[in-house]
Amino acid sequence: MAFRMPIFVVIMKDPLQHLSDLKLGEKAIIDSFTDSVMALKLLEMGCTPGELVQLDRIAPMGDPIAITVSGYLLSLRKEEASTILVSPVK
């Protein structure tokens, strides 16, 4: 009787990144927040975990940015966007 090694399959999830790191036109799914105080404000504006977001506009100097979330265009400072962790959509 031969000994068989068990085979383990590891499913790698794309690493999370900050919303502020997205490129123009990229889409992502909101995963979590790094700042609990800012999270409450963002949740009230429709930035809820599991929500699809898209980076639509970037100001000429790079700040603020505009994202589409929950069916509307939302303007955020880069500092605020950096508190949102997202999973990129391919």
N, C-alpha and C. Protein backbone atom coordinates (compact mmCIF):
# COMPACT_ATOMS: atom_id res chain seq x y z
N MET A 1 0.85 -1.17 0.00
CA MET A 1 0.00 0.00 0.00
C MET A 1 0.90 1.24 0.00
N ALA A 2 0.71 2.09 -0.99
CA ALA A 2 1.53 3.29 -1.13
C ALA A 2 0.95 4.43 -0.31
N PHE A 3 1.85 5.20 0.27
CA PHE A 3 1.43 6.37 1.04
C PHE A 3 1.23 7.54 0.08
N ARG A 4 0.12 8.19 0.15
CA ARG A 4 -0.16 9.34 -0.72
C ARG A 4 -0.14 10.62 0.09
N MET A 5 0.58 11.60 -0.43
CA MET A 5 0.63 12.91 0.21
C MET A 5 -0.65 13.67 -0.10
N PRO A 6 -1.25 14.29 0.89
CA PRO A 6 -2.43 15.12 0.60
C PRO A 6 -2.02 16.34 -0.24
N ILE A 7 -2.90 16.74 -1.13
CA ILE A 7 -2.65 17.91 -1.96
C ILE A 7 -3.47 19.06 -1.43
N PHE A 8 -2.80 20.18 -1.18
CA PHE A 8 -3.48 21.36 -0.69
C PHE A 8 -3.48 22.41 -1.79
N VAL A 9 -4.61 22.99 -2.02
CA VAL A 9 -4.73 24.05 -3.01
C VAL A 9 -4.93 25.35 -2.26
N VAL A 10 -4.08 26.31 -2.55
CA VAL A 10 -4.19 27.61 -1.92
C VAL A 10 -4.70 28.59 -2.96
N ILE A 11 -5.80 29.23 -2.66
CA ILE A 11 -6.36 30.22 -3.57
C ILE A 11 -5.85 31.58 -3.13
N MET A 12 -5.08 32.20 -4.00
CA MET A 12 -4.51 33.50 -3.68
C MET A 12 -5.49 34.60 -4.04
N LYS A 13 -5.76 35.45 -3.11
CA LYS A 13 -6.61 36.61 -3.33
C LYS A 13 -5.71 37.78 -3.71
N ASP A 14 -6.17 38.61 -4.64
CA ASP A 14 -5.39 39.79 -5.00
C ASP A 14 -5.12 40.61 -3.74
N PRO A 15 -3.92 41.14 -3.62
CA PRO A 15 -3.62 41.95 -2.44
C PRO A 15 -4.47 43.22 -2.43
N LEU A 16 -4.80 43.65 -1.25
CA LEU A 16 -5.59 44.87 -1.12
C LEU A 16 -4.70 46.08 -1.39
N GLN A 17 -5.32 47.12 -1.90
CA GLN A 17 -4.60 48.37 -2.10
C GLN A 17 -5.49 49.51 -1.67
N HIS A 18 -4.91 50.69 -1.54
CA HIS A 18 -5.67 51.86 -1.15
C HIS A 18 -6.42 52.41 -2.37
N LEU A 19 -7.60 52.92 -2.14
CA LEU A 19 -8.39 53.52 -3.22
C LEU A 19 -7.60 54.63 -3.91
N SER A 20 -6.80 55.34 -3.17
CA SER A 20 -6.02 56.45 -3.73
C SER A 20 -4.95 55.97 -4.71
N ASP A 21 -4.65 54.66 -4.73
CA ASP A 21 -3.63 54.10 -5.63
C ASP A 21 -4.19 53.62 -6.96
N LEU A 22 -5.52 53.68 -7.14
CA LEU A 22 -6.11 53.24 -8.40
C LEU A 22 -5.70 54.19 -9.52
N LYS A 23 -5.66 53.65 -10.73
CA LYS A 23 -5.39 54.45 -11.92
C LYS A 23 -6.73 54.89 -12.51
N LEU A 24 -6.70 55.92 -13.33
CA LEU A 24 -7.90 56.47 -13.95
C LEU A 24 -8.65 55.37 -14.72
N GLY A 25 -9.93 55.22 -14.44
CA GLY A 25 -10.77 54.23 -15.11
C GLY A 25 -10.80 52.87 -14.45
N GLU A 26 -9.91 52.59 -13.48
CA GLU A 26 -9.89 51.29 -12.82
C GLU A 26 -11.08 51.12 -11.88
N LYS A 27 -11.53 49.87 -11.77
CA LYS A 27 -12.63 49.52 -10.87
C LYS A 27 -12.10 48.65 -9.75
N ALA A 28 -12.79 48.71 -8.60
CA ALA A 28 -12.39 47.91 -7.44
C ALA A 28 -13.61 47.70 -6.55
N ILE A 29 -13.48 46.75 -5.65
CA ILE A 29 -14.52 46.46 -4.65
C ILE A 29 -14.00 46.93 -3.30
N ILE A 30 -14.82 47.70 -2.59
CA ILE A 30 -14.43 48.17 -1.25
C ILE A 30 -14.36 46.98 -0.31
N ASP A 31 -13.24 46.86 0.41
CA ASP A 31 -13.04 45.76 1.34
C ASP A 31 -13.19 46.22 2.79
N SER A 32 -12.42 47.24 3.18
CA SER A 32 -12.43 47.69 4.57
C SER A 32 -11.85 49.09 4.67
N PHE A 33 -11.75 49.58 5.91
CA PHE A 33 -11.25 50.92 6.17
C PHE A 33 -10.10 50.86 7.17
N THR A 34 -9.20 51.81 7.09
CA THR A 34 -8.08 51.85 8.04
C THR A 34 -8.28 52.86 9.16
N ASP A 35 -9.28 53.72 9.03
CA ASP A 35 -9.54 54.77 10.02
C ASP A 35 -11.00 54.69 10.42
N SER A 36 -11.28 54.37 11.67
CA SER A 36 -12.66 54.16 12.11
C SER A 36 -13.49 55.45 12.11
N VAL A 37 -12.88 56.57 12.38
CA VAL A 37 -13.61 57.84 12.38
C VAL A 37 -14.01 58.21 10.95
N MET A 38 -13.06 58.09 10.03
CA MET A 38 -13.33 58.39 8.63
C MET A 38 -14.29 57.36 8.04
N ALA A 39 -14.22 56.12 8.53
CA ALA A 39 -15.09 55.05 8.02
C ALA A 39 -16.56 55.41 8.20
N LEU A 40 -16.93 55.97 9.33
CA LEU A 40 -18.31 56.34 9.57
C LEU A 40 -18.78 57.37 8.54
N LYS A 41 -17.96 58.36 8.29
CA LYS A 41 -18.29 59.38 7.30
C LYS A 41 -18.44 58.76 5.90
N LEU A 42 -17.51 57.89 5.55
CA LEU A 42 -17.54 57.26 4.23
C LEU A 42 -18.73 56.31 4.07
N LEU A 43 -19.06 55.58 5.15
CA LEU A 43 -20.23 54.70 5.11
C LEU A 43 -21.51 55.49 4.85
N GLU A 44 -21.63 56.66 5.47
CA GLU A 44 -22.80 57.51 5.27
C GLU A 44 -22.90 58.02 3.84
N MET A 45 -21.75 58.09 3.14
CA MET A 45 -21.73 58.57 1.75
C MET A 45 -21.87 57.42 0.75
N GLY A 46 -22.12 56.20 1.22
CA GLY A 46 -22.35 55.09 0.32
C GLY A 46 -21.15 54.21 0.05
N CYS A 47 -20.03 54.48 0.69
CA CYS A 47 -18.83 53.66 0.53
C CYS A 47 -18.89 52.49 1.50
N THR A 48 -19.65 51.47 1.13
CA THR A 48 -19.83 50.32 2.01
C THR A 48 -19.03 49.13 1.49
N PRO A 49 -18.55 48.27 2.39
CA PRO A 49 -17.82 47.08 1.94
C PRO A 49 -18.66 46.26 0.96
N GLY A 50 -18.00 45.82 -0.11
CA GLY A 50 -18.69 45.06 -1.15
C GLY A 50 -19.18 45.92 -2.31
N GLU A 51 -19.13 47.23 -2.14
CA GLU A 51 -19.60 48.17 -3.18
C GLU A 51 -18.53 48.34 -4.27
N LEU A 52 -18.97 48.35 -5.51
CA LEU A 52 -18.08 48.58 -6.64
C LEU A 52 -17.81 50.07 -6.78
N VAL A 53 -16.53 50.44 -6.96
CA VAL A 53 -16.15 51.84 -7.16
C VAL A 53 -15.30 51.93 -8.42
N GLN A 54 -15.33 53.10 -9.05
CA GLN A 54 -14.50 53.34 -10.22
C GLN A 54 -13.89 54.73 -10.10
N LEU A 55 -12.60 54.83 -10.38
CA LEU A 55 -11.93 56.13 -10.36
C LEU A 55 -12.22 56.82 -11.69
N ASP A 56 -12.96 57.91 -11.65
CA ASP A 56 -13.41 58.59 -12.86
C ASP A 56 -12.62 59.83 -13.22
N ARG A 57 -12.20 60.59 -12.22
CA ARG A 57 -11.52 61.85 -12.50
C ARG A 57 -10.43 62.11 -11.46
N ILE A 58 -9.38 62.78 -11.94
CA ILE A 58 -8.30 63.20 -11.05
C ILE A 58 -8.04 64.67 -11.35
N ALA A 59 -8.02 65.51 -10.32
CA ALA A 59 -7.77 66.94 -10.50
C ALA A 59 -6.36 67.14 -11.08
N PRO A 60 -6.14 68.25 -11.78
CA PRO A 60 -4.84 68.50 -12.41
C PRO A 60 -3.64 68.37 -11.47
N MET A 61 -3.79 68.75 -10.23
CA MET A 61 -2.68 68.64 -9.28
C MET A 61 -2.72 67.30 -8.52
N GLY A 62 -3.64 66.41 -8.89
CA GLY A 62 -3.72 65.09 -8.27
C GLY A 62 -4.65 64.97 -7.09
N ASP A 63 -5.19 66.06 -6.61
CA ASP A 63 -6.07 66.04 -5.43
C ASP A 63 -7.11 67.13 -5.58
N PRO A 64 -8.39 66.85 -5.49
CA PRO A 64 -9.07 65.62 -5.11
C PRO A 64 -9.25 64.66 -6.29
N ILE A 65 -9.89 63.52 -5.98
CA ILE A 65 -10.26 62.56 -7.01
C ILE A 65 -11.78 62.41 -6.99
N ALA A 66 -12.34 61.92 -8.10
CA ALA A 66 -13.79 61.67 -8.17
C ALA A 66 -13.99 60.20 -8.49
N ILE A 67 -14.84 59.54 -7.69
CA ILE A 67 -15.15 58.13 -7.90
C ILE A 67 -16.65 57.98 -8.10
N THR A 68 -17.02 56.94 -8.84
CA THR A 68 -18.42 56.56 -8.94
C THR A 68 -18.65 55.47 -7.91
N VAL A 69 -19.61 55.69 -7.03
CA VAL A 69 -19.95 54.71 -5.99
C VAL A 69 -21.44 54.85 -5.70
N SER A 70 -22.11 53.74 -5.53
CA SER A 70 -23.56 53.72 -5.21
C SER A 70 -24.38 54.54 -6.20
N GLY A 71 -23.95 54.60 -7.45
CA GLY A 71 -24.73 55.28 -8.48
C GLY A 71 -24.53 56.78 -8.59
N TYR A 72 -23.57 57.34 -7.89
CA TYR A 72 -23.33 58.78 -8.02
C TYR A 72 -21.84 59.08 -7.99
N LEU A 73 -21.48 60.30 -8.39
CA LEU A 73 -20.08 60.74 -8.43
C LEU A 73 -19.74 61.38 -7.09
N LEU A 74 -18.68 60.89 -6.45
CA LEU A 74 -18.27 61.37 -5.13
C LEU A 74 -16.84 61.90 -5.23
N SER A 75 -16.62 63.09 -4.72
CA SER A 75 -15.29 63.69 -4.70
C SER A 75 -14.66 63.46 -3.33
N LEU A 76 -13.42 62.96 -3.34
CA LEU A 76 -12.69 62.69 -2.10
C LEU A 76 -11.29 63.26 -2.17
N ARG A 77 -10.78 63.71 -1.04
CA ARG A 77 -9.37 64.07 -0.97
C ARG A 77 -8.56 62.78 -0.99
N LYS A 78 -7.33 62.86 -1.47
CA LYS A 78 -6.46 61.67 -1.52
C LYS A 78 -6.27 61.09 -0.12
N GLU A 79 -6.19 61.97 0.88
CA GLU A 79 -6.03 61.51 2.26
C GLU A 79 -7.22 60.66 2.70
N GLU A 80 -8.43 61.06 2.32
CA GLU A 80 -9.63 60.28 2.65
C GLU A 80 -9.64 58.97 1.88
N ALA A 81 -9.30 59.04 0.60
CA ALA A 81 -9.30 57.83 -0.24
C ALA A 81 -8.27 56.81 0.23
N SER A 82 -7.20 57.27 0.83
CA SER A 82 -6.16 56.36 1.29
C SER A 82 -6.59 55.54 2.51
N THR A 83 -7.72 55.88 3.13
CA THR A 83 -8.22 55.11 4.27
C THR A 83 -9.14 53.98 3.83
N ILE A 84 -9.41 53.89 2.52
CA ILE A 84 -10.29 52.84 1.98
C ILE A 84 -9.44 51.77 1.32
N LEU A 85 -9.55 50.53 1.81
CA LEU A 85 -8.84 49.41 1.20
C LEU A 85 -9.77 48.74 0.19
N VAL A 86 -9.25 48.51 -1.01
CA VAL A 86 -10.05 47.93 -2.08
C VAL A 86 -9.35 46.73 -2.69
N SER A 87 -10.15 45.90 -3.33
CA SER A 87 -9.65 44.76 -4.08
C SER A 87 -9.91 45.05 -5.56
N PRO A 88 -8.85 45.17 -6.36
CA PRO A 88 -9.02 45.53 -7.77
C PRO A 88 -9.86 44.50 -8.54
N VAL A 89 -10.63 44.98 -9.50
CA VAL A 89 -11.43 44.13 -10.37
C VAL A 89 -10.71 44.04 -11.70
N LYS A 90 -10.52 42.85 -12.18
CA LYS A 90 -9.80 42.65 -13.45
C LYS A 90 -10.78 42.61 -14.60
